[in-house]
Amino acid sequence: MKKTFLFAWFALLSIGAAAAAPADGPVKTFYPGGQIKEEKNYKAGKLDGTYKAYYDNGALQQEVPYENGLIQGVAKKYYPDGKPELESTYKNGRKHGPRRQYYKTSGRLYVDQNFADDLQNGTEIAYTEEGFTEWEIHFVKGKKDGRMIVYQRKDGAQGTPMFETEYRADKKHGVSKTYDMFTGKLAKTERYEDDVLVGS
């Protein structure tokens, strides 16, 4: 299943920005051609305010809110044409709240997630570019815990389930179902306990 993660991108901002931090005030960097590349502000030697980075064509690439050196609020990344690519909510430098990734062509929502204290928590839902559900996975403290359903892709309509599985602490635990890809009817049922097949 297709899934793109961009978590490291935000972490690198702190590392790179702190390398030559002044005590206070705004800092701008530029591309060789003179176009603005970055804008940031420091307070007491730490990033404070909205960090902004730009593509070499002048379009906004990312904006990240900082308070006292930590990301605080909604960090955003954009595609070169200005459409949103990623939005991630932070609290005291840790992912805490919604995280949403978007399709490049349409700008529509691709993956909707939620985090608590830097760990994925709640139901992750992925969508096709047409807006139909592609998969649903429930997480508790960074581990799959609950039901996962993966749907077939179907032009112009919501796809039927391909399979669904119950998880507990990242291991298959409970009933797992597989469906016929042509008829959509239940094809196989299995039962797992702590990732071990115990029945069908």
N, C-alpha and C. Protein backbone atom coordinates (compact mmCIF):
# COMPACT_ATOMS: atom_id res chain seq x y z
N MET A 1 0.83 -1.17 0.00
CA MET A 1 0.00 0.00 0.00
C MET A 1 0.88 1.24 0.00
N LYS A 2 0.52 2.17 -0.83
CA LYS A 2 1.34 3.37 -0.99
C LYS A 2 1.19 4.26 0.24
N LYS A 3 2.33 4.71 0.77
CA LYS A 3 2.27 5.55 1.94
C LYS A 3 3.57 6.34 2.04
N THR A 4 3.48 7.66 2.06
CA THR A 4 4.68 8.50 2.08
C THR A 4 4.77 9.21 3.40
N PHE A 5 5.95 9.16 4.02
CA PHE A 5 6.14 9.82 5.30
C PHE A 5 7.17 10.94 5.13
N LEU A 6 6.85 12.09 5.73
CA LEU A 6 7.75 13.24 5.63
C LEU A 6 8.09 13.78 7.02
N PHE A 7 8.08 12.89 8.02
CA PHE A 7 8.32 13.34 9.38
C PHE A 7 9.68 13.99 9.53
N ALA A 8 10.72 13.42 8.92
CA ALA A 8 12.08 13.88 9.11
C ALA A 8 12.28 15.31 8.62
N TRP A 9 11.46 15.72 7.69
CA TRP A 9 11.59 17.07 7.10
C TRP A 9 11.54 18.14 8.18
N PHE A 10 10.56 18.07 9.10
CA PHE A 10 10.44 19.09 10.12
C PHE A 10 11.61 19.03 11.09
N ALA A 11 12.06 17.84 11.42
CA ALA A 11 13.17 17.70 12.37
C ALA A 11 14.44 18.35 11.83
N LEU A 12 14.67 18.23 10.53
CA LEU A 12 15.87 18.80 9.92
C LEU A 12 15.88 20.31 9.99
N LEU A 13 14.72 20.93 10.05
CA LEU A 13 14.66 22.38 10.11
C LEU A 13 15.37 22.89 11.37
N SER A 14 15.12 22.23 12.49
CA SER A 14 15.74 22.66 13.74
C SER A 14 17.24 22.49 13.70
N ILE A 15 17.71 21.38 13.13
CA ILE A 15 19.14 21.09 13.07
C ILE A 15 19.86 22.12 12.21
N GLY A 16 19.33 22.37 11.01
CA GLY A 16 19.98 23.29 10.09
C GLY A 16 19.92 24.72 10.56
N ALA A 17 18.79 25.11 11.14
CA ALA A 17 18.61 26.50 11.52
C ALA A 17 19.48 26.88 12.71
N ALA A 18 19.79 25.91 13.56
CA ALA A 18 20.54 26.22 14.77
C ALA A 18 22.05 26.31 14.53
N ALA A 19 22.51 25.94 13.34
CA ALA A 19 23.94 25.85 13.07
C ALA A 19 24.65 27.18 13.24
N ALA A 20 24.04 28.28 12.78
CA ALA A 20 24.70 29.58 12.87
C ALA A 20 23.69 30.61 13.37
N ALA A 21 23.13 30.34 14.53
CA ALA A 21 22.06 31.18 15.04
C ALA A 21 22.60 32.44 15.70
N PRO A 22 22.07 33.62 15.32
CA PRO A 22 22.44 34.84 16.03
C PRO A 22 21.68 34.91 17.34
N ALA A 23 22.02 35.84 18.19
CA ALA A 23 21.33 35.96 19.47
C ALA A 23 19.90 36.42 19.30
N ASP A 24 19.69 37.41 18.47
CA ASP A 24 18.34 37.97 18.28
C ASP A 24 18.19 38.53 16.88
N GLY A 25 16.94 38.54 16.43
CA GLY A 25 16.62 39.24 15.21
C GLY A 25 16.37 38.36 14.01
N PRO A 26 15.93 39.00 12.93
CA PRO A 26 15.60 38.26 11.70
C PRO A 26 16.84 37.90 10.89
N VAL A 27 16.73 36.81 10.16
CA VAL A 27 17.80 36.35 9.27
C VAL A 27 17.18 35.96 7.94
N LYS A 28 17.82 36.38 6.86
CA LYS A 28 17.39 35.99 5.52
C LYS A 28 18.55 35.37 4.77
N THR A 29 18.26 34.33 4.00
CA THR A 29 19.25 33.75 3.10
C THR A 29 18.70 33.79 1.69
N PHE A 30 19.63 33.72 0.69
CA PHE A 30 19.21 33.92 -0.69
C PHE A 30 19.84 32.86 -1.60
N TYR A 31 19.17 32.59 -2.69
CA TYR A 31 19.71 31.74 -3.74
C TYR A 31 20.81 32.51 -4.48
N PRO A 32 21.69 31.80 -5.21
CA PRO A 32 22.76 32.50 -5.96
C PRO A 32 22.25 33.59 -6.89
N GLY A 33 21.03 33.41 -7.41
CA GLY A 33 20.46 34.41 -8.30
C GLY A 33 19.86 35.60 -7.60
N GLY A 34 19.86 35.57 -6.27
CA GLY A 34 19.34 36.71 -5.52
C GLY A 34 17.94 36.52 -4.97
N GLN A 35 17.27 35.42 -5.33
CA GLN A 35 15.91 35.19 -4.84
C GLN A 35 15.96 34.78 -3.37
N ILE A 36 14.93 35.20 -2.65
CA ILE A 36 14.85 34.85 -1.24
C ILE A 36 14.73 33.33 -1.07
N LYS A 37 15.49 32.78 -0.15
CA LYS A 37 15.48 31.34 0.11
C LYS A 37 14.86 31.01 1.46
N GLU A 38 15.24 31.76 2.49
CA GLU A 38 14.73 31.50 3.83
C GLU A 38 14.51 32.80 4.58
N GLU A 39 13.54 32.79 5.47
CA GLU A 39 13.33 33.87 6.42
C GLU A 39 13.09 33.24 7.79
N LYS A 40 13.81 33.72 8.79
CA LYS A 40 13.62 33.19 10.13
C LYS A 40 13.96 34.26 11.14
N ASN A 41 13.54 34.02 12.37
CA ASN A 41 13.80 34.99 13.43
C ASN A 41 14.30 34.27 14.68
N TYR A 42 15.26 34.91 15.36
CA TYR A 42 15.81 34.34 16.57
C TYR A 42 15.53 35.24 17.77
N LYS A 43 15.36 34.59 18.91
CA LYS A 43 15.19 35.30 20.17
C LYS A 43 16.02 34.55 21.22
N ALA A 44 16.94 35.23 21.81
CA ALA A 44 17.85 34.60 22.78
C ALA A 44 18.54 33.38 22.19
N GLY A 45 18.89 33.47 20.91
CA GLY A 45 19.63 32.41 20.24
C GLY A 45 18.80 31.24 19.78
N LYS A 46 17.47 31.33 19.91
CA LYS A 46 16.59 30.24 19.51
C LYS A 46 15.58 30.74 18.49
N LEU A 47 15.19 29.83 17.60
CA LEU A 47 14.17 30.20 16.63
C LEU A 47 12.88 30.60 17.34
N ASP A 48 12.31 31.72 16.88
CA ASP A 48 11.08 32.22 17.48
C ASP A 48 10.32 33.01 16.42
N GLY A 49 9.12 32.57 16.14
CA GLY A 49 8.36 33.16 15.05
C GLY A 49 8.21 32.17 13.91
N THR A 50 7.73 32.64 12.79
CA THR A 50 7.45 31.75 11.66
C THR A 50 8.67 31.64 10.75
N TYR A 51 9.18 30.42 10.64
CA TYR A 51 10.24 30.12 9.68
C TYR A 51 9.59 29.93 8.31
N LYS A 52 10.17 30.54 7.28
CA LYS A 52 9.65 30.38 5.92
C LYS A 52 10.78 30.01 4.97
N ALA A 53 10.51 29.06 4.09
CA ALA A 53 11.45 28.68 3.04
C ALA A 53 10.74 28.79 1.70
N TYR A 54 11.52 29.13 0.65
CA TYR A 54 10.94 29.39 -0.66
C TYR A 54 11.62 28.55 -1.73
N TYR A 55 10.85 28.21 -2.76
CA TYR A 55 11.44 27.63 -3.96
C TYR A 55 12.20 28.74 -4.70
N ASP A 56 13.06 28.35 -5.63
CA ASP A 56 13.85 29.37 -6.34
C ASP A 56 13.01 30.22 -7.30
N ASN A 57 11.73 29.82 -7.49
CA ASN A 57 10.85 30.65 -8.31
C ASN A 57 10.07 31.66 -7.47
N GLY A 58 10.36 31.68 -6.16
CA GLY A 58 9.70 32.63 -5.27
C GLY A 58 8.49 32.09 -4.55
N ALA A 59 8.02 30.91 -4.93
CA ALA A 59 6.84 30.33 -4.29
C ALA A 59 7.20 29.80 -2.90
N LEU A 60 6.27 29.93 -1.99
CA LEU A 60 6.48 29.47 -0.62
C LEU A 60 6.58 27.94 -0.58
N GLN A 61 7.62 27.43 0.05
CA GLN A 61 7.84 25.99 0.14
C GLN A 61 7.38 25.42 1.48
N GLN A 62 7.68 26.14 2.54
CA GLN A 62 7.29 25.67 3.87
C GLN A 62 7.20 26.83 4.84
N GLU A 63 6.35 26.69 5.83
CA GLU A 63 6.27 27.66 6.91
C GLU A 63 6.03 26.90 8.21
N VAL A 64 6.87 27.23 9.19
CA VAL A 64 6.88 26.48 10.44
C VAL A 64 6.89 27.45 11.61
N PRO A 65 5.91 27.39 12.50
CA PRO A 65 5.88 28.31 13.64
C PRO A 65 6.76 27.80 14.79
N TYR A 66 7.61 28.68 15.31
CA TYR A 66 8.49 28.33 16.42
C TYR A 66 8.21 29.21 17.62
N GLU A 67 8.38 28.62 18.80
CA GLU A 67 8.38 29.36 20.05
C GLU A 67 9.52 28.83 20.91
N ASN A 68 10.43 29.71 21.24
CA ASN A 68 11.55 29.34 22.11
C ASN A 68 12.31 28.11 21.58
N GLY A 69 12.49 28.06 20.25
CA GLY A 69 13.28 26.99 19.63
C GLY A 69 12.52 25.72 19.31
N LEU A 70 11.25 25.66 19.65
CA LEU A 70 10.45 24.46 19.41
C LEU A 70 9.30 24.76 18.45
N ILE A 71 8.99 23.78 17.60
CA ILE A 71 7.85 23.95 16.70
C ILE A 71 6.58 23.95 17.54
N GLN A 72 5.75 24.96 17.30
CA GLN A 72 4.53 25.14 18.11
C GLN A 72 3.40 25.57 17.19
N GLY A 73 2.48 24.66 16.90
CA GLY A 73 1.37 24.98 16.01
C GLY A 73 1.42 24.14 14.74
N VAL A 74 0.84 24.65 13.67
CA VAL A 74 0.72 23.90 12.43
C VAL A 74 1.86 24.22 11.47
N ALA A 75 2.71 23.23 11.21
CA ALA A 75 3.78 23.36 10.22
C ALA A 75 3.23 22.94 8.86
N LYS A 76 3.60 23.70 7.82
CA LYS A 76 3.04 23.44 6.49
C LYS A 76 4.12 23.35 5.43
N LYS A 77 3.89 22.47 4.47
CA LYS A 77 4.77 22.34 3.30
C LYS A 77 3.90 22.40 2.05
N TYR A 78 4.44 23.04 1.00
CA TYR A 78 3.67 23.27 -0.21
C TYR A 78 4.38 22.68 -1.43
N TYR A 79 3.59 22.29 -2.41
CA TYR A 79 4.14 21.92 -3.72
C TYR A 79 4.56 23.20 -4.45
N PRO A 80 5.41 23.09 -5.47
CA PRO A 80 5.88 24.29 -6.18
C PRO A 80 4.77 25.16 -6.77
N ASP A 81 3.61 24.56 -7.07
CA ASP A 81 2.52 25.36 -7.63
C ASP A 81 1.64 26.00 -6.56
N GLY A 82 2.02 25.84 -5.29
CA GLY A 82 1.29 26.48 -4.21
C GLY A 82 0.27 25.60 -3.51
N LYS A 83 -0.03 24.43 -4.07
CA LYS A 83 -0.98 23.53 -3.41
C LYS A 83 -0.36 22.95 -2.14
N PRO A 84 -1.18 22.68 -1.13
CA PRO A 84 -0.63 22.10 0.11
C PRO A 84 -0.10 20.69 -0.12
N GLU A 85 1.03 20.38 0.50
CA GLU A 85 1.60 19.03 0.46
C GLU A 85 1.45 18.33 1.80
N LEU A 86 1.69 19.06 2.88
CA LEU A 86 1.67 18.45 4.20
C LEU A 86 1.35 19.50 5.26
N GLU A 87 0.52 19.12 6.20
CA GLU A 87 0.24 19.96 7.36
C GLU A 87 0.35 19.07 8.60
N SER A 88 1.13 19.51 9.57
CA SER A 88 1.34 18.70 10.77
C SER A 88 1.31 19.60 12.00
N THR A 89 0.53 19.22 12.99
CA THR A 89 0.38 20.03 14.19
C THR A 89 1.38 19.60 15.26
N TYR A 90 2.02 20.58 15.89
CA TYR A 90 3.04 20.32 16.91
C TYR A 90 2.69 21.03 18.22
N LYS A 91 3.16 20.42 19.29
CA LYS A 91 3.07 21.03 20.61
C LYS A 91 4.40 20.80 21.31
N ASN A 92 5.08 21.87 21.64
CA ASN A 92 6.39 21.78 22.30
C ASN A 92 7.38 20.91 21.52
N GLY A 93 7.37 21.07 20.19
CA GLY A 93 8.32 20.36 19.34
C GLY A 93 7.97 18.93 19.02
N ARG A 94 6.81 18.46 19.47
CA ARG A 94 6.41 17.07 19.22
C ARG A 94 5.09 17.06 18.46
N LYS A 95 4.94 16.07 17.57
CA LYS A 95 3.70 15.98 16.81
C LYS A 95 2.55 15.73 17.76
N HIS A 96 1.55 16.58 17.69
CA HIS A 96 0.43 16.47 18.62
C HIS A 96 -0.79 17.11 17.98
N GLY A 97 -1.65 16.27 17.43
CA GLY A 97 -2.82 16.76 16.73
C GLY A 97 -2.88 16.22 15.31
N PRO A 98 -3.67 16.84 14.45
CA PRO A 98 -3.86 16.33 13.08
C PRO A 98 -2.60 16.42 12.23
N ARG A 99 -2.43 15.46 11.34
CA ARG A 99 -1.40 15.49 10.31
C ARG A 99 -2.08 15.10 9.01
N ARG A 100 -1.96 15.93 7.99
CA ARG A 100 -2.65 15.68 6.73
C ARG A 100 -1.69 15.83 5.55
N GLN A 101 -1.76 14.85 4.65
CA GLN A 101 -0.95 14.87 3.44
C GLN A 101 -1.89 14.96 2.24
N TYR A 102 -1.44 15.68 1.20
CA TYR A 102 -2.31 15.98 0.07
C TYR A 102 -1.71 15.51 -1.26
N TYR A 103 -2.59 15.23 -2.20
CA TYR A 103 -2.16 14.85 -3.55
C TYR A 103 -1.55 16.06 -4.26
N LYS A 104 -0.53 15.77 -5.08
CA LYS A 104 0.18 16.84 -5.78
C LYS A 104 -0.66 17.44 -6.90
N THR A 105 -1.32 16.60 -7.67
CA THR A 105 -2.05 17.09 -8.85
C THR A 105 -3.30 17.87 -8.48
N SER A 106 -4.11 17.31 -7.62
CA SER A 106 -5.41 17.92 -7.31
C SER A 106 -5.40 18.77 -6.04
N GLY A 107 -4.44 18.51 -5.15
CA GLY A 107 -4.44 19.21 -3.87
C GLY A 107 -5.44 18.64 -2.88
N ARG A 108 -6.08 17.53 -3.25
CA ARG A 108 -7.07 16.93 -2.36
C ARG A 108 -6.39 16.09 -1.27
N LEU A 109 -7.14 15.87 -0.21
CA LEU A 109 -6.62 15.12 0.93
C LEU A 109 -6.29 13.68 0.54
N TYR A 110 -5.08 13.24 0.93
CA TYR A 110 -4.64 11.87 0.67
C TYR A 110 -4.68 11.03 1.95
N VAL A 111 -3.95 11.47 2.98
CA VAL A 111 -3.91 10.72 4.24
C VAL A 111 -4.23 11.66 5.39
N ASP A 112 -5.15 11.22 6.26
CA ASP A 112 -5.55 11.98 7.44
C ASP A 112 -5.16 11.17 8.67
N GLN A 113 -4.30 11.74 9.52
CA GLN A 113 -3.81 11.05 10.71
C GLN A 113 -3.94 11.94 11.93
N ASN A 114 -3.70 11.34 13.08
CA ASN A 114 -3.67 12.12 14.32
C ASN A 114 -2.55 11.61 15.21
N PHE A 115 -1.90 12.54 15.93
CA PHE A 115 -0.81 12.18 16.83
C PHE A 115 -1.07 12.73 18.22
N ALA A 116 -0.49 12.04 19.20
CA ALA A 116 -0.51 12.51 20.58
C ALA A 116 0.87 12.27 21.17
N ASP A 117 1.52 13.35 21.58
CA ASP A 117 2.85 13.26 22.17
C ASP A 117 3.83 12.50 21.28
N ASP A 118 3.82 12.82 20.00
CA ASP A 118 4.75 12.29 18.99
C ASP A 118 4.44 10.85 18.56
N LEU A 119 3.33 10.28 19.02
CA LEU A 119 2.95 8.92 18.61
C LEU A 119 1.61 8.96 17.89
N GLN A 120 1.51 8.16 16.82
CA GLN A 120 0.26 8.13 16.07
C GLN A 120 -0.85 7.55 16.94
N ASN A 121 -1.99 8.23 16.95
CA ASN A 121 -3.08 7.85 17.83
C ASN A 121 -4.41 8.16 17.15
N GLY A 122 -5.30 7.18 17.10
CA GLY A 122 -6.58 7.37 16.44
C GLY A 122 -6.61 6.69 15.09
N THR A 123 -7.63 6.98 14.31
CA THR A 123 -7.83 6.31 13.03
C THR A 123 -7.17 7.05 11.88
N GLU A 124 -6.29 6.37 11.18
CA GLU A 124 -5.71 6.90 9.94
C GLU A 124 -6.61 6.50 8.78
N ILE A 125 -6.94 7.49 7.96
CA ILE A 125 -7.78 7.23 6.78
C ILE A 125 -7.06 7.77 5.55
N ALA A 126 -6.94 6.93 4.53
CA ALA A 126 -6.36 7.35 3.25
C ALA A 126 -7.46 7.37 2.20
N TYR A 127 -7.34 8.32 1.28
CA TYR A 127 -8.37 8.51 0.26
C TYR A 127 -7.76 8.43 -1.14
N THR A 128 -8.58 7.97 -2.08
CA THR A 128 -8.18 8.07 -3.48
C THR A 128 -8.29 9.53 -3.89
N GLU A 129 -7.76 9.85 -5.05
CA GLU A 129 -7.82 11.25 -5.51
C GLU A 129 -9.25 11.68 -5.80
N GLU A 130 -10.14 10.69 -5.98
CA GLU A 130 -11.56 11.01 -6.20
C GLU A 130 -12.30 11.20 -4.89
N GLY A 131 -11.63 10.90 -3.77
CA GLY A 131 -12.26 11.13 -2.47
C GLY A 131 -12.85 9.90 -1.81
N PHE A 132 -12.61 8.73 -2.39
CA PHE A 132 -13.14 7.51 -1.79
C PHE A 132 -12.10 6.90 -0.84
N THR A 133 -12.58 6.20 0.17
CA THR A 133 -11.68 5.63 1.18
C THR A 133 -10.84 4.51 0.58
N GLU A 134 -9.51 4.57 0.83
CA GLU A 134 -8.59 3.55 0.34
C GLU A 134 -8.18 2.59 1.45
N TRP A 135 -7.97 3.11 2.66
CA TRP A 135 -7.76 2.24 3.81
C TRP A 135 -8.08 3.00 5.10
N GLU A 136 -8.33 2.23 6.14
CA GLU A 136 -8.53 2.75 7.48
C GLU A 136 -7.74 1.89 8.45
N ILE A 137 -6.97 2.52 9.32
CA ILE A 137 -6.18 1.80 10.31
C ILE A 137 -6.27 2.54 11.64
N HIS A 138 -6.54 1.82 12.70
CA HIS A 138 -6.63 2.47 14.01
C HIS A 138 -5.32 2.27 14.77
N PHE A 139 -4.84 3.35 15.40
CA PHE A 139 -3.59 3.32 16.16
C PHE A 139 -3.83 3.73 17.61
N VAL A 140 -3.06 3.12 18.49
CA VAL A 140 -3.02 3.53 19.89
C VAL A 140 -1.55 3.64 20.30
N LYS A 141 -1.12 4.82 20.66
CA LYS A 141 0.26 5.08 21.08
C LYS A 141 1.29 4.53 20.10
N GLY A 142 1.06 4.80 18.82
CA GLY A 142 2.03 4.47 17.78
C GLY A 142 1.94 3.06 17.24
N LYS A 143 1.00 2.26 17.73
CA LYS A 143 0.87 0.88 17.26
C LYS A 143 -0.52 0.62 16.72
N LYS A 144 -0.59 -0.24 15.68
CA LYS A 144 -1.90 -0.62 15.16
C LYS A 144 -2.66 -1.34 16.26
N ASP A 145 -3.86 -0.88 16.54
CA ASP A 145 -4.65 -1.47 17.61
C ASP A 145 -6.12 -1.26 17.28
N GLY A 146 -6.76 -2.32 16.83
CA GLY A 146 -8.14 -2.21 16.36
C GLY A 146 -8.23 -2.72 14.93
N ARG A 147 -9.21 -2.27 14.23
CA ARG A 147 -9.49 -2.82 12.90
C ARG A 147 -8.76 -2.07 11.79
N MET A 148 -8.21 -2.82 10.85
CA MET A 148 -7.66 -2.26 9.62
C MET A 148 -8.48 -2.79 8.45
N ILE A 149 -8.90 -1.89 7.57
CA ILE A 149 -9.63 -2.28 6.36
C ILE A 149 -8.94 -1.65 5.16
N VAL A 150 -8.70 -2.46 4.13
CA VAL A 150 -8.14 -1.98 2.88
C VAL A 150 -9.17 -2.23 1.78
N TYR A 151 -9.43 -1.19 1.00
CA TYR A 151 -10.47 -1.26 -0.04
C TYR A 151 -9.86 -1.36 -1.43
N GLN A 152 -10.59 -1.99 -2.33
CA GLN A 152 -10.20 -1.98 -3.73
C GLN A 152 -10.44 -0.60 -4.31
N ARG A 153 -9.59 -0.23 -5.26
CA ARG A 153 -9.83 1.02 -5.99
C ARG A 153 -10.83 0.75 -7.10
N LYS A 154 -11.79 1.65 -7.23
CA LYS A 154 -12.84 1.49 -8.23
C LYS A 154 -13.16 2.85 -8.81
N ASP A 155 -13.03 2.99 -10.13
CA ASP A 155 -13.25 4.29 -10.76
C ASP A 155 -14.66 4.80 -10.50
N GLY A 156 -14.73 6.02 -9.96
CA GLY A 156 -16.01 6.69 -9.80
C GLY A 156 -16.88 6.18 -8.68
N ALA A 157 -16.37 5.31 -7.82
CA ALA A 157 -17.21 4.76 -6.76
C ALA A 157 -16.34 4.26 -5.63
N GLN A 158 -16.95 4.11 -4.46
CA GLN A 158 -16.25 3.54 -3.33
C GLN A 158 -15.98 2.06 -3.58
N GLY A 159 -14.73 1.63 -3.41
CA GLY A 159 -14.38 0.24 -3.61
C GLY A 159 -14.86 -0.64 -2.47
N THR A 160 -15.04 -1.90 -2.75
CA THR A 160 -15.43 -2.85 -1.73
C THR A 160 -14.18 -3.29 -0.96
N PRO A 161 -14.33 -3.82 0.26
CA PRO A 161 -13.16 -4.26 1.02
C PRO A 161 -12.38 -5.37 0.33
N MET A 162 -11.03 -5.31 0.40
CA MET A 162 -10.18 -6.41 -0.05
C MET A 162 -9.87 -7.33 1.12
N PHE A 163 -9.55 -6.71 2.24
CA PHE A 163 -9.36 -7.49 3.46
C PHE A 163 -9.52 -6.60 4.68
N GLU A 164 -9.81 -7.22 5.79
CA GLU A 164 -9.87 -6.51 7.06
C GLU A 164 -9.31 -7.41 8.14
N THR A 165 -8.57 -6.76 9.07
CA THR A 165 -7.86 -7.49 10.10
C THR A 165 -7.95 -6.74 11.42
N GLU A 166 -8.07 -7.49 12.50
CA GLU A 166 -8.03 -6.91 13.83
C GLU A 166 -6.59 -6.96 14.37
N TYR A 167 -6.16 -5.87 14.98
CA TYR A 167 -4.81 -5.80 15.57
C TYR A 167 -4.89 -5.49 17.06
N ARG A 168 -3.85 -5.94 17.76
CA ARG A 168 -3.65 -5.54 19.15
C ARG A 168 -2.16 -5.34 19.36
N ALA A 169 -1.79 -4.11 19.71
CA ALA A 169 -0.38 -3.78 19.95
C ALA A 169 0.51 -4.19 18.77
N ASP A 170 0.08 -3.85 17.57
CA ASP A 170 0.84 -4.06 16.33
C ASP A 170 0.86 -5.52 15.85
N LYS A 171 0.11 -6.38 16.49
CA LYS A 171 0.06 -7.78 16.06
C LYS A 171 -1.36 -8.16 15.69
N LYS A 172 -1.48 -9.04 14.69
CA LYS A 172 -2.80 -9.53 14.33
C LYS A 172 -3.40 -10.27 15.51
N HIS A 173 -4.61 -9.86 15.87
CA HIS A 173 -5.24 -10.49 17.03
C HIS A 173 -6.75 -10.39 16.86
N GLY A 174 -7.36 -11.49 16.49
CA GLY A 174 -8.79 -11.50 16.22
C GLY A 174 -9.07 -12.04 14.83
N VAL A 175 -10.20 -11.66 14.29
CA VAL A 175 -10.65 -12.17 13.00
C VAL A 175 -10.03 -11.39 11.85
N SER A 176 -9.56 -12.13 10.84
CA SER A 176 -9.04 -11.55 9.61
C SER A 176 -9.88 -12.06 8.44
N LYS A 177 -10.34 -11.15 7.60
CA LYS A 177 -11.21 -11.53 6.48
C LYS A 177 -10.61 -11.10 5.15
N THR A 178 -10.72 -11.96 4.16
CA THR A 178 -10.29 -11.66 2.79
C THR A 178 -11.49 -11.79 1.88
N TYR A 179 -11.63 -10.85 0.94
CA TYR A 179 -12.79 -10.82 0.05
C TYR A 179 -12.39 -11.08 -1.39
N ASP A 180 -13.28 -11.67 -2.14
CA ASP A 180 -13.06 -11.92 -3.56
C ASP A 180 -12.99 -10.59 -4.30
N MET A 181 -11.91 -10.37 -5.08
CA MET A 181 -11.72 -9.08 -5.73
C MET A 181 -12.72 -8.83 -6.86
N PHE A 182 -13.36 -9.88 -7.36
CA PHE A 182 -14.33 -9.69 -8.45
C PHE A 182 -15.75 -9.57 -7.94
N THR A 183 -16.13 -10.39 -6.99
CA THR A 183 -17.51 -10.38 -6.51
C THR A 183 -17.69 -9.56 -5.24
N GLY A 184 -16.60 -9.34 -4.51
CA GLY A 184 -16.69 -8.62 -3.25
C GLY A 184 -17.19 -9.48 -2.10
N LYS A 185 -17.45 -10.75 -2.36
CA LYS A 185 -17.97 -11.63 -1.32
C LYS A 185 -16.83 -12.17 -0.45
N LEU A 186 -17.18 -12.52 0.77
CA LEU A 186 -16.20 -13.06 1.70
C LEU A 186 -15.61 -14.35 1.14
N ALA A 187 -14.27 -14.40 1.05
CA ALA A 187 -13.60 -15.56 0.48
C ALA A 187 -12.91 -16.40 1.54
N LYS A 188 -12.41 -15.76 2.61
CA LYS A 188 -11.65 -16.51 3.62
C LYS A 188 -11.72 -15.79 4.95
N THR A 189 -11.84 -16.57 6.00
CA THR A 189 -11.82 -16.04 7.36
C THR A 189 -10.75 -16.77 8.17
N GLU A 190 -9.93 -16.02 8.89
CA GLU A 190 -8.90 -16.60 9.74
C GLU A 190 -8.96 -15.94 11.11
N ARG A 191 -8.42 -16.62 12.10
CA ARG A 191 -8.37 -16.06 13.43
C ARG A 191 -6.92 -16.09 13.94
N TYR A 192 -6.48 -14.96 14.49
CA TYR A 192 -5.11 -14.84 14.99
C TYR A 192 -5.10 -14.50 16.48
N GLU A 193 -4.04 -14.94 17.13
CA GLU A 193 -3.75 -14.54 18.50
C GLU A 193 -2.28 -14.16 18.57
N ASP A 194 -2.02 -12.90 18.87
CA ASP A 194 -0.64 -12.38 18.94
C ASP A 194 0.17 -12.75 17.72
N ASP A 195 -0.41 -12.51 16.54
CA ASP A 195 0.24 -12.72 15.23
C ASP A 195 0.36 -14.20 14.82
N VAL A 196 -0.21 -15.09 15.59
CA VAL A 196 -0.16 -16.52 15.27
C VAL A 196 -1.54 -16.98 14.79
N LEU A 197 -1.55 -17.65 13.63
CA LEU A 197 -2.80 -18.18 13.09
C LEU A 197 -3.27 -19.35 13.98
N VAL A 198 -4.49 -19.22 14.51
CA VAL A 198 -5.01 -20.27 15.39
C VAL A 198 -6.26 -20.94 14.86
N GLY A 199 -6.81 -20.42 13.77
CA GLY A 199 -8.01 -21.03 13.22
C GLY A 199 -8.43 -20.37 11.93
N SER A 200 -9.31 -21.03 11.21
CA SER A 200 -9.82 -20.47 9.95
C SER A 200 -11.24 -20.99 9.72
